[in-house]
Amino acid sequence: MHKLVHTLEIETFCYPTEELEKVKKAFEITEFEPSISSANKTRVLKTEEEKHGQITDFLKKLKSELPENNVKEICETIERRTDEQGNFFFRLDKQAASEEEYKLSNGSDIQVRMKISSFPSNRKKVIEKLEKIWCENGLL
């Protein structure tokens, strides 16, 4: 099967008031080198996945568990969420994820970046693939 997504990156912050293990559990996030002041003990948590099977399983689960209105929102905003390099971005609610639920967020809770496979790489082809993934029940 053709690889649809080169990489899937998930990143979030763990603030001193949050339980580190609960935040990590949300996506099995591994701790990444903190990129902000350690004086306030805020940690950056990041994971990157390149294995086709793992990415596909995550996307299937995410799509099936997102509320229908969130999937519709993604479909309606694919162009705005996609850059010229073939990256697709969205954010998830950290509190919901820590309770093993998924829903979109407009805040900076959990940032997700998907690098979409396309040859030759161009934004139009990437958007077409994303529409099949999110809007047409295809490719997954």
C-alpha atoms as a PDB file:
ATOM      1  CA  MET A   1       0.000   0.000   0.000  1.00  0.00           C
ATOM      2  CA  HIS A   2       1.227   3.497  -0.861  1.00  0.00           C
ATOM      3  CA  LYS A   3       2.401   5.583   2.071  1.00  0.00           C
ATOM      4  CA  LEU A   4       0.028   8.543   2.471  1.00  0.00           C
ATOM      5  CA  VAL A   5       1.788  10.351   5.276  1.00  0.00           C
ATOM      6  CA  HIS A   6       5.574  10.649   5.551  1.00  0.00           C
ATOM      7  CA  THR A   7       5.573  11.807   9.155  1.00  0.00           C
ATOM      8  CA  LEU A   8       3.124  12.563  11.909  1.00  0.00           C
ATOM      9  CA  GLU A   9       4.306  14.943  14.633  1.00  0.00           C
ATOM     10  CA  ILE A  10       2.452  15.655  17.844  1.00  0.00           C
ATOM     11  CA  GLU A  11       3.615  18.345  20.248  1.00  0.00           C
ATOM     12  CA  THR A  12       2.268  19.850  23.448  1.00  0.00           C
ATOM     13  CA  PHE A  13       3.395  21.563  26.615  1.00  0.00           C
ATOM     14  CA  CYS A  14       3.158  20.196  30.118  1.00  0.00           C
ATOM     15  CA  TYR A  15       2.760  23.025  32.616  1.00  0.00           C
ATOM     16  CA  PRO A  16       3.761  22.729  36.291  1.00  0.00           C
ATOM     17  CA  THR A  17       0.083  22.473  37.270  1.00  0.00           C
ATOM     18  CA  GLU A  18      -0.460  19.410  35.031  1.00  0.00           C
ATOM     19  CA  GLU A  19       0.397  15.790  35.710  1.00  0.00           C
ATOM     20  CA  LEU A  20       3.198  14.813  33.328  1.00  0.00           C
ATOM     21  CA  GLU A  21       2.175  11.160  33.078  1.00  0.00           C
ATOM     22  CA  LYS A  22      -1.433  12.047  32.253  1.00  0.00           C
ATOM     23  CA  VAL A  23      -0.335  14.396  29.465  1.00  0.00           C
ATOM     24  CA  LYS A  24       2.136  11.833  28.068  1.00  0.00           C
ATOM     25  CA  LYS A  25      -0.502   9.095  28.164  1.00  0.00           C
ATOM     26  CA  ALA A  26      -2.801  11.034  25.837  1.00  0.00           C
ATOM     27  CA  PHE A  27      -0.667  10.096  22.798  1.00  0.00           C
ATOM     28  CA  GLU A  28       2.170   8.090  24.283  1.00  0.00           C
ATOM     29  CA  ILE A  29       4.262  11.217  23.948  1.00  0.00           C
ATOM     30  CA  THR A  30       7.934  10.941  24.794  1.00  0.00           C
ATOM     31  CA  GLU A  31       9.600  13.821  26.554  1.00  0.00           C
ATOM     32  CA  PHE A  32      11.563  16.115  24.279  1.00  0.00           C
ATOM     33  CA  GLU A  33      14.316  18.512  25.266  1.00  0.00           C
ATOM     34  CA  PRO A  34      12.619  21.557  26.827  1.00  0.00           C
ATOM     35  CA  SER A  35      12.865  24.545  24.526  1.00  0.00           C
ATOM     36  CA  ILE A  36      11.616  27.118  27.022  1.00  0.00           C
ATOM     37  CA  SER A  37      12.816  28.278  30.396  1.00  0.00           C
ATOM     38  CA  SER A  38      13.216  25.479  32.889  1.00  0.00           C
ATOM     39  CA  ALA A  39      12.738  28.067  35.638  1.00  0.00           C
ATOM     40  CA  ASN A  40       8.976  27.662  35.332  1.00  0.00           C
ATOM     41  CA  LYS A  41       9.318  23.867  34.877  1.00  0.00           C
ATOM     42  CA  THR A  42       7.239  23.839  31.690  1.00  0.00           C
ATOM     43  CA  ARG A  43       8.156  20.888  29.478  1.00  0.00           C
ATOM     44  CA  VAL A  44       7.767  20.434  25.749  1.00  0.00           C
ATOM     45  CA  LEU A  45       6.478  16.967  24.876  1.00  0.00           C
ATOM     46  CA  LYS A  46       6.875  15.753  21.322  1.00  0.00           C
ATOM     47  CA  THR A  47       6.606  12.559  19.356  1.00  0.00           C
ATOM     48  CA  GLU A  48       7.255  11.854  15.689  1.00  0.00           C
ATOM     49  CA  GLU A  49       6.011   8.767  13.872  1.00  0.00           C
ATOM     50  CA  GLU A  50       7.182   7.596  10.446  1.00  0.00           C
ATOM     51  CA  LYS A  51       5.860   4.017  10.391  1.00  0.00           C
ATOM     52  CA  HIS A  52       3.014   3.703   7.903  1.00  0.00           C
ATOM     53  CA  GLY A  53       1.016   1.233   9.990  1.00  0.00           C
ATOM     54  CA  GLN A  54       1.240   3.300  13.169  1.00  0.00           C
ATOM     55  CA  ILE A  55       0.215   6.494  11.357  1.00  0.00           C
ATOM     56  CA  THR A  56      -2.686   4.774   9.591  1.00  0.00           C
ATOM     57  CA  ASP A  57      -3.934   3.234  12.850  1.00  0.00           C
ATOM     58  CA  PHE A  58      -3.757   6.600  14.614  1.00  0.00           C
ATOM     59  CA  LEU A  59      -5.611   8.405  11.800  1.00  0.00           C
ATOM     60  CA  LYS A  60      -8.338   5.747  11.626  1.00  0.00           C
ATOM     61  CA  LYS A  61      -8.872   5.949  15.380  1.00  0.00           C
ATOM     62  CA  LEU A  62      -8.791   9.744  15.366  1.00  0.00           C
ATOM     63  CA  LYS A  63     -11.243  10.033  12.490  1.00  0.00           C
ATOM     64  CA  SER A  64     -13.650   7.500  13.981  1.00  0.00           C
ATOM     65  CA  GLU A  65     -13.589   9.136  17.428  1.00  0.00           C
ATOM     66  CA  LEU A  66     -13.681  12.809  16.476  1.00  0.00           C
ATOM     67  CA  PRO A  67     -17.165  14.309  16.753  1.00  0.00           C
ATOM     68  CA  GLU A  68     -18.877  14.505  13.351  1.00  0.00           C
ATOM     69  CA  ASN A  69     -18.877  18.315  13.437  1.00  0.00           C
ATOM     70  CA  ASN A  70     -15.064  18.264  13.926  1.00  0.00           C
ATOM     71  CA  VAL A  71     -14.549  16.047  10.874  1.00  0.00           C
ATOM     72  CA  LYS A  72     -16.817  18.407   8.920  1.00  0.00           C
ATOM     73  CA  GLU A  73     -14.757  21.379  10.149  1.00  0.00           C
ATOM     74  CA  ILE A  74     -11.544  19.705   8.981  1.00  0.00           C
ATOM     75  CA  CYS A  75     -13.108  19.042   5.553  1.00  0.00           C
ATOM     76  CA  GLU A  76     -14.165  22.673   5.266  1.00  0.00           C
ATOM     77  CA  THR A  77     -10.750  24.027   6.286  1.00  0.00           C
ATOM     78  CA  ILE A  78      -8.304  21.669   4.557  1.00  0.00           C
ATOM     79  CA  GLU A  79      -6.946  24.374   2.253  1.00  0.00           C
ATOM     80  CA  ARG A  80      -6.345  26.783   5.134  1.00  0.00           C
ATOM     81  CA  ARG A  81      -4.625  24.064   7.184  1.00  0.00           C
ATOM     82  CA  THR A  82      -2.240  22.993   4.390  1.00  0.00           C
ATOM     83  CA  ASP A  83       0.999  24.780   3.536  1.00  0.00           C
ATOM     84  CA  GLU A  84       3.014  24.821   0.301  1.00  0.00           C
ATOM     85  CA  GLN A  85       5.400  22.105   1.574  1.00  0.00           C
ATOM     86  CA  GLY A  86       2.615  19.527   1.962  1.00  0.00           C
ATOM     87  CA  ASN A  87       2.177  19.875   5.716  1.00  0.00           C
ATOM     88  CA  PHE A  88      -1.315  19.642   7.193  1.00  0.00           C
ATOM     89  CA  PHE A  89      -1.937  21.142  10.634  1.00  0.00           C
ATOM     90  CA  PHE A  90      -4.638  20.887  13.278  1.00  0.00           C
ATOM     91  CA  ARG A  91      -4.947  21.123  17.053  1.00  0.00           C
ATOM     92  CA  LEU A  92      -6.570  18.817  19.563  1.00  0.00           C
ATOM     93  CA  ASP A  93      -7.974  19.538  23.001  1.00  0.00           C
ATOM     94  CA  LYS A  94      -5.461  18.352  25.623  1.00  0.00           C
ATOM     95  CA  GLN A  95      -8.000  17.858  28.417  1.00  0.00           C
ATOM     96  CA  ALA A  96     -10.194  15.662  26.212  1.00  0.00           C
ATOM     97  CA  ALA A  97      -7.160  13.685  24.983  1.00  0.00           C
ATOM     98  CA  SER A  98      -6.047  12.996  28.545  1.00  0.00           C
ATOM     99  CA  GLU A  99      -9.481  11.402  29.045  1.00  0.00           C
ATOM    100  CA  GLU A 100      -8.963   9.357  25.839  1.00  0.00           C
ATOM    101  CA  GLU A 101     -11.380  11.441  23.786  1.00  0.00           C
ATOM    102  CA  TYR A 102     -10.600  13.523  20.724  1.00  0.00           C
ATOM    103  CA  LYS A 103     -11.908  16.919  19.715  1.00  0.00           C
ATOM    104  CA  LEU A 104     -10.481  19.851  17.810  1.00  0.00           C
ATOM    105  CA  SER A 105      -9.187  22.894  19.624  1.00  0.00           C
ATOM    106  CA  ASN A 106      -8.594  26.459  18.524  1.00  0.00           C
ATOM    107  CA  GLY A 107      -6.058  26.919  21.318  1.00  0.00           C
ATOM    108  CA  SER A 108      -2.511  25.719  21.535  1.00  0.00           C
ATOM    109  CA  ASP A 109      -3.330  22.502  23.391  1.00  0.00           C
ATOM    110  CA  ILE A 110      -1.883  19.734  21.181  1.00  0.00           C
ATOM    111  CA  GLN A 111      -0.420  20.593  17.795  1.00  0.00           C
ATOM    112  CA  VAL A 112      -0.506  17.915  15.102  1.00  0.00           C
ATOM    113  CA  ARG A 113       1.456  18.119  11.843  1.00  0.00           C
ATOM    114  CA  MET A 114       1.120  15.598   9.058  1.00  0.00           C
ATOM    115  CA  LYS A 115       3.619  15.638   6.179  1.00  0.00           C
ATOM    116  CA  ILE A 116       1.592  14.275   3.254  1.00  0.00           C
ATOM    117  CA  SER A 117       3.204  12.067   0.593  1.00  0.00           C
ATOM    118  CA  SER A 118       2.862  13.455  -2.911  1.00  0.00           C
ATOM    119  CA  PHE A 119       4.960  13.070  -6.033  1.00  0.00           C
ATOM    120  CA  PRO A 120       5.577  15.405  -7.541  1.00  0.00           C
ATOM    121  CA  SER A 121       4.982  17.395  -4.415  1.00  0.00           C
ATOM    122  CA  ASN A 122       2.419  20.122  -4.915  1.00  0.00           C
ATOM    123  CA  ARG A 123      -0.252  21.640  -2.735  1.00  0.00           C
ATOM    124  CA  LYS A 124      -3.145  20.751  -5.042  1.00  0.00           C
ATOM    125  CA  LYS A 125      -2.334  17.005  -4.941  1.00  0.00           C
ATOM    126  CA  VAL A 126      -1.840  17.131  -1.179  1.00  0.00           C
ATOM    127  CA  ILE A 127      -5.249  18.769  -0.728  1.00  0.00           C
ATOM    128  CA  GLU A 128      -6.871  16.120  -2.965  1.00  0.00           C
ATOM    129  CA  LYS A 129      -5.358  13.351  -0.814  1.00  0.00           C
ATOM    130  CA  LEU A 130      -6.471  15.058   2.376  1.00  0.00           C
ATOM    131  CA  GLU A 131     -10.016  15.398   1.043  1.00  0.00           C
ATOM    132  CA  LYS A 132     -10.070  11.648   0.336  1.00  0.00           C
ATOM    133  CA  ILE A 133      -8.721  10.872   3.819  1.00  0.00           C
ATOM    134  CA  TRP A 134     -11.017  13.180   5.780  1.00  0.00           C
ATOM    135  CA  CYS A 135     -14.083  13.770   3.607  1.00  0.00           C
ATOM    136  CA  GLU A 136     -14.637  10.718   1.394  1.00  0.00           C
ATOM    137  CA  ASN A 137     -13.818   7.756   3.648  1.00  0.00           C
ATOM    138  CA  GLY A 138     -11.026   6.877   1.262  1.00  0.00           C
ATOM    139  CA  LEU A 139      -7.339   6.007   1.439  1.00  0.00           C
ATOM    140  CA  LEU A 140      -7.382   4.828   5.092  1.00  0.00           C
END
